[in-house]
Amino acid sequence: MIYAVIMAGGTGTRFWPRSRTTTPKQLLNIFDHETMIQKTVARVGGFAPSERVMIVTNALQQDGVQKQLPSLPLHNILIEPVGRNTAPCIGLAAIHILKNDPDGIMAVLAADHLIEPNDKFCETIRFAASVAADTGGLVTMGMIPSRPETGYGYIQFLENDKIHLNGREAYRVKTFAEKPNFATAQRFLDSGDFLWNSGMFIWKASVILELIEEFLPDLHDGLMEIRESIGTPAYDETLNRVYRSVKGISIDYGVMEKAKNVFVIKGDFTWNDVGSWEEVYQLSPKDGSGNVVTGNTIVLDSANSLVHSGNKMIATVGVQNLIIVDTGDAVLICDRSRAQDVKKIVEELQRKDLKELL
């Protein structure tokens, strides 16, 4: 059976001031009445009922997750004591799945991506699960690039090394590439054998644990200790102790880049990781002057800007290409071309110990 494992422990620093420690990006309703995590859980319902949906988050966000997902069994919300990147997160979910289902297949997904349409996405996940079951390999999802994007990692695939299953194809991965500069991104685009790395993974829970044992033995030892404590009074203490002792590492660095039996499937759906306010601007409907406006606003002789008001009136005259976001206790004013740098504001707030704004 397929289990949806939704990673929901991020802080979304590029979405400050709306994204905060206890209400990060995945818990925000950025586009409509549904929050990003609610959209994600609804989406995975096409291949995994609620009892097979697992959320991995942290203690600060636990209450928010539970309130937003009341139909999810409480024991399906796994709490990390501290953030240790994606390898421990995925390993924790894997040991919980294997406690009940030795043949369980994990679809590891982010909580805050936009994907449409749902039926094509779910169909692709089911195909990826078939590949993972038949090959015993690791499967990732690649998106056909439409531009030389420097904000995504890339996956190079082997056009002539592929498997056919159920009328679709999965390609063997040649290499993973980190976020490139513009010239390299253009070369990737021109080559035709690079895909955007969507950060979605599908594999048997048993297989990923075997590879963690091979490449990250210390983490595996800790996970086995946690596994033995599941369902016992010692679980919380064991989880806390082990997590604080293991090193943080991503599943990409720790396993994916070292493993041999890795396949990529081309996603035939639209995907966006909604990585900044600029992405929100690009994805949102605009007025005749190219503005995206929400809340209590007056926008005069202004163009190509995103203006979001919490409660107070925001009025603009003669501005262009700005991001303006008000949350009552803070206002962000940012050139759209610098949207990725909003995270630097959060770093400065941390340096100044302004916890009430984090």
Protein backbone atom coordinates (compact mmCIF):
# COMPACT_ATOMS: atom_id res chain seq x y z
CA MET A 1 0.00 0.00 0.00
CA ILE A 2 1.05 3.59 -0.61
CA TYR A 3 1.57 5.94 2.33
CA ALA A 4 1.75 9.70 1.87
CA VAL A 5 4.54 11.14 4.02
CA ILE A 6 4.18 14.91 4.15
CA MET A 7 7.17 16.86 5.44
CA ALA A 8 5.79 19.89 7.27
CA GLY A 9 8.51 21.14 9.59
CA GLY A 10 9.88 24.04 7.55
CA THR A 11 9.82 27.68 8.60
CA GLY A 12 9.16 29.40 5.26
CA THR A 13 11.44 32.34 5.98
CA ARG A 14 10.97 33.82 2.49
CA PHE A 15 7.30 34.38 3.38
CA TRP A 16 7.93 36.67 6.31
CA PRO A 17 6.09 38.55 7.76
CA ARG A 18 3.12 36.20 7.27
CA SER A 19 5.19 33.07 7.87
CA ARG A 20 6.21 32.76 11.52
CA THR A 21 7.66 30.03 13.71
CA THR A 22 4.28 28.67 14.82
CA THR A 23 2.43 29.55 11.59
CA PRO A 24 4.88 28.85 8.77
CA LYS A 25 4.10 28.91 5.06
CA GLN A 26 2.49 25.46 4.98
CA LEU A 27 -0.11 26.57 7.56
CA LEU A 28 -1.06 29.74 5.65
CA ASN A 29 -3.95 30.28 3.25
CA ILE A 30 -1.87 32.02 0.61
CA PHE A 31 -4.14 31.63 -2.41
CA ASP A 32 -7.65 30.98 -1.08
CA HIS A 33 -9.46 29.73 2.04
CA GLU A 34 -7.46 26.48 2.17
CA THR A 35 -3.99 26.41 3.68
CA MET A 36 -1.11 24.83 1.79
CA ILE A 37 -1.06 21.74 3.99
CA GLN A 38 -4.82 21.32 3.67
CA LYS A 39 -4.46 21.43 -0.10
CA THR A 40 -1.71 18.81 0.07
CA VAL A 41 -3.66 16.41 2.28
CA ALA A 42 -6.73 16.76 0.07
CA ARG A 43 -4.55 16.07 -2.98
CA VAL A 44 -3.02 12.86 -1.65
CA GLY A 45 -6.48 11.53 -0.85
CA GLY A 46 -6.50 10.28 -4.42
CA PHE A 47 -4.04 7.50 -3.51
CA ALA A 48 -3.90 7.38 0.30
CA PRO A 49 -6.85 7.53 2.73
CA SER A 50 -6.37 9.49 5.96
CA GLU A 51 -5.16 6.46 7.90
CA ARG A 52 -2.22 6.21 5.45
CA VAL A 53 -1.32 9.91 5.54
CA MET A 54 1.58 10.82 7.84
CA ILE A 55 2.68 14.33 8.72
CA VAL A 56 6.18 14.95 10.07
CA THR A 57 6.42 18.30 11.85
CA ASN A 58 7.78 19.84 15.06
CA ALA A 59 6.37 20.67 18.48
CA LEU A 60 5.91 24.37 17.71
CA GLN A 61 3.69 23.58 14.74
CA GLN A 62 1.93 20.53 16.19
CA ASP A 63 -1.16 22.39 17.42
CA GLY A 64 -1.60 24.21 14.13
CA VAL A 65 -1.34 20.98 12.14
CA GLN A 66 -3.85 19.19 14.37
CA LYS A 67 -6.36 22.06 14.18
CA GLN A 68 -6.11 22.29 10.41
CA LEU A 69 -6.32 18.52 9.85
CA PRO A 70 -8.92 17.29 12.37
CA SER A 71 -9.75 14.16 10.34
CA LEU A 72 -6.18 12.87 10.52
CA PRO A 73 -5.47 10.29 13.26
CA LEU A 74 -3.34 11.91 15.97
CA HIS A 75 -0.82 9.06 15.88
CA ASN A 76 -0.19 9.87 12.20
CA ILE A 77 1.32 13.23 13.17
CA LEU A 78 4.97 12.55 13.99
CA ILE A 79 6.80 15.17 16.02
CA GLU A 80 10.52 15.77 15.58
CA PRO A 81 12.15 17.12 18.78
CA VAL A 82 14.62 19.15 16.71
CA GLY A 83 15.08 19.74 13.01
CA ARG A 84 17.67 17.44 11.47
CA ASN A 85 16.97 17.92 7.75
CA THR A 86 15.18 15.38 5.56
CA ALA A 87 17.09 12.10 6.06
CA PRO A 88 16.13 11.64 9.74
CA CYS A 89 12.62 12.92 8.97
CA ILE A 90 12.11 10.31 6.25
CA GLY A 91 13.73 7.59 8.33
CA LEU A 92 11.38 8.34 11.22
CA ALA A 93 8.34 7.97 8.97
CA ALA A 94 9.75 4.76 7.48
CA ILE A 95 10.13 2.98 10.82
CA HIS A 96 6.57 3.89 11.79
CA ILE A 97 5.23 2.55 8.50
CA LEU A 98 7.21 -0.69 8.78
CA LYS A 99 5.82 -1.35 12.25
CA ASN A 100 2.47 -2.11 10.60
CA ASP A 101 3.24 -2.79 6.94
CA PRO A 102 6.52 -4.48 5.94
CA ASP A 103 5.73 -3.88 2.25
CA GLY A 104 4.64 -0.26 2.64
CA ILE A 105 5.59 2.21 -0.09
CA MET A 106 6.29 5.83 0.84
CA ALA A 107 5.41 8.83 -1.29
CA VAL A 108 7.48 11.58 0.33
CA LEU A 109 6.09 15.03 -0.40
CA ALA A 110 6.43 18.63 0.73
CA ALA A 111 3.49 20.24 2.51
CA ASP A 112 3.64 23.53 0.63
CA HIS A 113 3.78 22.87 -3.12
CA LEU A 114 1.09 23.66 -5.67
CA ILE A 115 0.22 20.81 -8.05
CA GLU A 116 -2.54 20.55 -10.65
CA PRO A 117 -4.50 18.63 -11.75
CA ASN A 118 -4.87 16.22 -8.88
CA ASP A 119 -5.91 13.23 -10.96
CA LYS A 120 -2.76 13.30 -13.10
CA PHE A 121 -0.60 13.77 -10.02
CA CYS A 122 -2.17 10.78 -8.25
CA GLU A 123 -1.90 8.67 -11.38
CA THR A 124 1.82 9.47 -11.58
CA ILE A 125 2.33 8.61 -7.91
CA ARG A 126 0.65 5.24 -8.43
CA PHE A 127 2.89 4.58 -11.44
CA ALA A 128 5.97 5.55 -9.43
CA ALA A 129 4.89 3.17 -6.68
CA SER A 130 4.66 0.36 -9.25
CA VAL A 131 8.20 1.14 -10.43
CA ALA A 132 9.47 1.17 -6.84
CA ALA A 133 7.77 -2.14 -6.09
CA ASP A 134 8.96 -3.86 -9.28
CA THR A 135 12.57 -2.64 -9.27
CA GLY A 136 13.29 -2.20 -5.58
CA GLY A 137 14.73 1.16 -6.60
CA LEU A 138 14.35 4.76 -5.55
CA VAL A 139 12.01 6.86 -7.67
CA THR A 140 11.94 10.63 -7.86
CA MET A 141 9.75 13.03 -9.77
CA GLY A 142 11.26 15.38 -12.35
CA MET A 143 9.52 18.29 -14.02
CA ILE A 144 10.27 19.29 -17.61
CA PRO A 145 11.95 22.72 -17.34
CA SER A 146 10.32 25.65 -19.12
CA ARG A 147 13.02 28.22 -18.39
CA PRO A 148 16.63 28.41 -17.13
CA GLU A 149 15.62 28.41 -13.47
CA THR A 150 18.39 29.00 -10.91
CA GLY A 151 16.19 28.35 -7.88
CA TYR A 152 15.74 24.59 -8.41
CA GLY A 153 18.05 21.61 -8.35
CA TYR A 154 18.22 19.46 -11.49
CA ILE A 155 18.18 15.75 -12.35
CA GLN A 156 20.02 14.42 -15.40
CA PHE A 157 18.46 11.27 -16.85
CA LEU A 158 19.61 8.65 -19.36
CA GLU A 159 17.30 8.76 -22.38
CA ASN A 160 18.35 5.29 -23.55
CA ASP A 161 18.20 3.59 -20.15
CA LYS A 162 14.55 3.36 -19.19
CA ILE A 163 11.91 0.89 -18.18
CA HIS A 164 8.39 0.62 -19.57
CA LEU A 165 5.54 -0.19 -17.25
CA ASN A 166 1.80 0.26 -17.65
CA GLY A 167 2.28 2.33 -20.78
CA ARG A 168 4.67 4.81 -19.14
CA GLU A 169 8.41 5.25 -18.80
CA ALA A 170 10.84 5.69 -15.93
CA TYR A 171 14.39 6.80 -16.72
CA ARG A 172 17.54 5.87 -14.87
CA VAL A 173 19.13 8.86 -13.17
CA LYS A 174 22.64 9.81 -14.27
CA THR A 175 23.32 12.59 -11.80
CA PHE A 176 21.83 15.18 -9.47
CA ALA A 177 22.88 18.81 -9.84
CA GLU A 178 22.58 21.56 -7.25
CA LYS A 179 20.97 24.93 -7.98
CA PRO A 180 22.99 26.30 -10.92
CA ASN A 181 23.97 29.77 -12.06
CA PHE A 182 22.07 31.19 -15.02
CA ALA A 183 24.54 30.04 -17.69
CA THR A 184 24.55 26.49 -16.36
CA ALA A 185 20.76 26.49 -16.07
CA GLN A 186 20.54 27.55 -19.71
CA ARG A 187 22.88 24.70 -20.67
CA PHE A 188 20.72 22.26 -18.72
CA LEU A 189 17.62 23.54 -20.52
CA ASP A 190 19.24 23.32 -23.95
CA SER A 191 20.54 19.78 -23.38
CA GLY A 192 17.09 18.23 -23.11
CA ASP A 193 18.21 15.60 -20.59
CA PHE A 194 17.80 17.60 -17.38
CA LEU A 195 14.64 17.92 -15.31
CA TRP A 196 13.78 20.13 -12.36
CA ASN A 197 14.12 18.27 -9.07
CA SER A 198 10.69 18.49 -7.46
CA GLY A 199 11.80 16.98 -4.15
CA MET A 200 9.17 14.22 -4.38
CA PHE A 201 10.34 10.66 -3.68
CA ILE A 202 8.67 7.25 -3.91
CA TRP A 203 10.19 4.04 -2.54
CA LYS A 204 9.59 1.04 -0.34
CA ALA A 205 10.06 1.95 3.31
CA SER A 206 12.25 -1.13 3.76
CA VAL A 207 14.51 -0.12 0.85
CA ILE A 208 15.17 3.41 2.08
CA LEU A 209 16.06 2.05 5.53
CA GLU A 210 18.48 -0.43 3.97
CA LEU A 211 20.18 2.42 2.10
CA ILE A 212 20.28 4.59 5.22
CA GLU A 213 22.00 1.66 6.93
CA GLU A 214 24.53 1.50 4.08
CA PHE A 215 25.29 5.21 3.72
CA LEU A 216 24.29 6.69 7.10
CA PRO A 217 24.93 3.90 9.62
CA ASP A 218 24.85 6.13 12.71
CA LEU A 219 21.43 7.45 11.74
CA HIS A 220 20.23 3.90 11.08
CA ASP A 221 21.37 2.76 14.52
CA GLY A 222 19.41 5.61 16.09
CA LEU A 223 16.31 4.85 14.03
CA MET A 224 16.40 1.20 15.09
CA GLU A 225 16.54 2.30 18.71
CA ILE A 226 13.52 4.55 18.17
CA ARG A 227 11.71 1.75 16.35
CA GLU A 228 12.03 -0.58 19.33
CA SER A 229 10.44 2.06 21.57
CA ILE A 230 7.38 2.78 19.40
CA GLY A 231 4.22 2.14 21.41
CA THR A 232 6.07 2.05 24.75
CA PRO A 233 6.42 4.67 27.54
CA ALA A 234 10.07 5.09 26.52
CA TYR A 235 9.25 6.44 23.05
CA ASP A 236 9.37 10.18 23.75
CA GLU A 237 12.61 9.98 25.74
CA THR A 238 14.25 7.74 23.15
CA LEU A 239 13.14 9.92 20.25
CA ASN A 240 14.42 13.07 21.95
CA ARG A 241 17.77 11.56 22.90
CA VAL A 242 18.45 9.97 19.52
CA TYR A 243 17.41 13.01 17.52
CA ARG A 244 19.70 15.30 19.47
CA SER A 245 22.62 12.95 18.87
CA VAL A 246 22.28 12.41 15.10
CA LYS A 247 23.70 14.74 12.48
CA GLY A 248 21.39 16.68 10.23
CA ILE A 249 21.66 15.70 6.58
CA SER A 250 19.36 15.78 3.57
CA ILE A 251 18.18 12.59 1.92
CA ASP A 252 19.65 13.97 -1.33
CA TYR A 253 23.21 14.24 0.01
CA GLY A 254 22.97 11.28 2.35
CA VAL A 255 21.40 8.69 0.06
CA MET A 256 20.10 9.76 -3.36
CA GLU A 257 23.42 10.98 -4.76
CA LYS A 258 25.16 7.75 -3.67
CA ALA A 259 22.54 5.14 -4.54
CA LYS A 260 22.77 3.21 -7.82
CA ASN A 261 19.23 2.08 -8.52
CA VAL A 262 17.54 5.47 -8.95
CA PHE A 263 14.83 6.33 -11.47
CA VAL A 264 13.08 9.55 -12.43
CA ILE A 265 9.59 9.92 -13.83
CA LYS A 266 8.56 12.97 -15.82
CA GLY A 267 5.63 14.64 -14.12
CA ASP A 268 2.82 15.41 -16.55
CA PHE A 269 1.19 17.98 -14.26
CA THR A 270 1.96 21.56 -13.28
CA TRP A 271 4.13 22.01 -10.22
CA ASN A 272 5.41 24.99 -8.27
CA ASP A 273 7.23 24.98 -4.96
CA VAL A 274 5.90 28.49 -4.19
CA GLY A 275 9.31 29.48 -2.91
CA SER A 276 8.81 33.22 -2.41
CA TRP A 277 6.38 36.14 -2.63
CA GLU A 278 7.47 36.49 -6.26
CA GLU A 279 6.03 33.03 -6.96
CA VAL A 280 2.77 34.11 -5.31
CA TYR A 281 2.72 37.15 -7.58
CA GLN A 282 3.32 35.03 -10.68
CA LEU A 283 0.64 32.50 -9.75
CA SER A 284 -2.09 34.95 -8.71
CA PRO A 285 -4.74 36.70 -10.86
CA LYS A 286 -3.87 40.32 -11.62
CA ASP A 287 -5.74 43.54 -12.35
CA GLY A 288 -5.37 45.54 -15.55
CA SER A 289 -2.11 47.08 -14.33
CA GLY A 290 -0.54 43.77 -13.38
CA ASN A 291 -1.15 44.17 -9.64
CA VAL A 292 -2.08 41.44 -7.16
CA VAL A 293 -4.06 43.08 -4.36
CA THR A 294 -5.75 41.55 -1.31
CA GLY A 295 -7.31 43.14 1.75
CA ASN A 296 -7.83 46.81 2.57
CA THR A 297 -5.96 48.61 -0.21
CA ILE A 298 -6.01 51.59 -2.57
CA VAL A 299 -3.61 51.25 -5.48
CA LEU A 300 -3.26 54.31 -7.72
CA ASP A 301 -1.04 54.64 -10.79
CA SER A 302 0.87 51.57 -9.64
CA ALA A 303 1.86 48.53 -11.65
CA ASN A 304 3.19 44.98 -11.41
CA SER A 305 3.10 44.88 -7.62
CA LEU A 306 1.81 42.56 -4.91
CA VAL A 307 -0.01 44.38 -2.10
CA HIS A 308 -1.40 42.36 0.82
CA SER A 309 -3.11 44.08 3.75
CA GLY A 310 -3.95 42.44 7.03
CA ASN A 311 -6.25 45.04 8.64
CA LYS A 312 -4.82 48.51 8.11
CA MET A 313 -5.27 50.44 4.89
CA ILE A 314 -2.34 50.23 2.48
CA ALA A 315 -2.32 52.93 -0.20
CA THR A 316 0.19 53.20 -3.02
CA VAL A 317 0.76 55.92 -5.59
CA GLY A 318 3.08 55.59 -8.57
CA VAL A 319 5.00 52.49 -7.49
CA GLN A 320 6.09 49.56 -9.60
CA ASN A 321 7.46 46.05 -9.09
CA LEU A 322 7.05 46.01 -5.31
CA ILE A 323 5.98 43.43 -2.76
CA ILE A 324 4.13 45.01 0.17
CA VAL A 325 2.82 42.74 2.92
CA ASP A 326 1.25 43.94 6.19
CA THR A 327 0.51 41.68 9.16
CA GLY A 328 -0.36 44.24 11.82
CA ASP A 329 2.91 44.00 13.73
CA ALA A 330 5.19 44.19 10.68
CA VAL A 331 5.28 45.50 7.12
CA LEU A 332 7.46 44.13 4.34
CA ILE A 333 8.39 46.40 1.43
CA CYS A 334 10.56 44.63 -1.10
CA ASP A 335 11.55 44.96 -4.73
CA ARG A 336 10.12 41.95 -6.55
CA SER A 337 13.54 41.08 -7.94
CA ARG A 338 14.82 40.66 -4.36
CA ALA A 339 12.05 38.35 -3.13
CA GLN A 340 14.51 35.54 -2.38
CA ASP A 341 16.34 37.85 0.04
CA VAL A 342 13.39 38.18 2.42
CA LYS A 343 14.97 35.33 4.39
CA LYS A 344 17.80 37.74 5.24
CA ILE A 345 15.31 39.84 7.21
CA VAL A 346 14.51 36.80 9.32
CA GLU A 347 18.23 36.23 9.88
CA GLU A 348 18.57 39.84 11.04
CA LEU A 349 15.59 39.50 13.39
CA GLN A 350 17.21 36.39 14.84
CA ARG A 351 20.49 38.24 15.28
CA LYS A 352 18.68 41.02 17.14
CA ASP A 353 16.73 38.44 19.19
CA LEU A 354 13.38 39.94 18.18
CA LYS A 355 11.52 36.73 18.94
CA GLU A 356 8.10 38.37 18.89
CA LEU A 357 8.54 38.96 15.14
CA LEU A 358 9.79 35.47 14.27
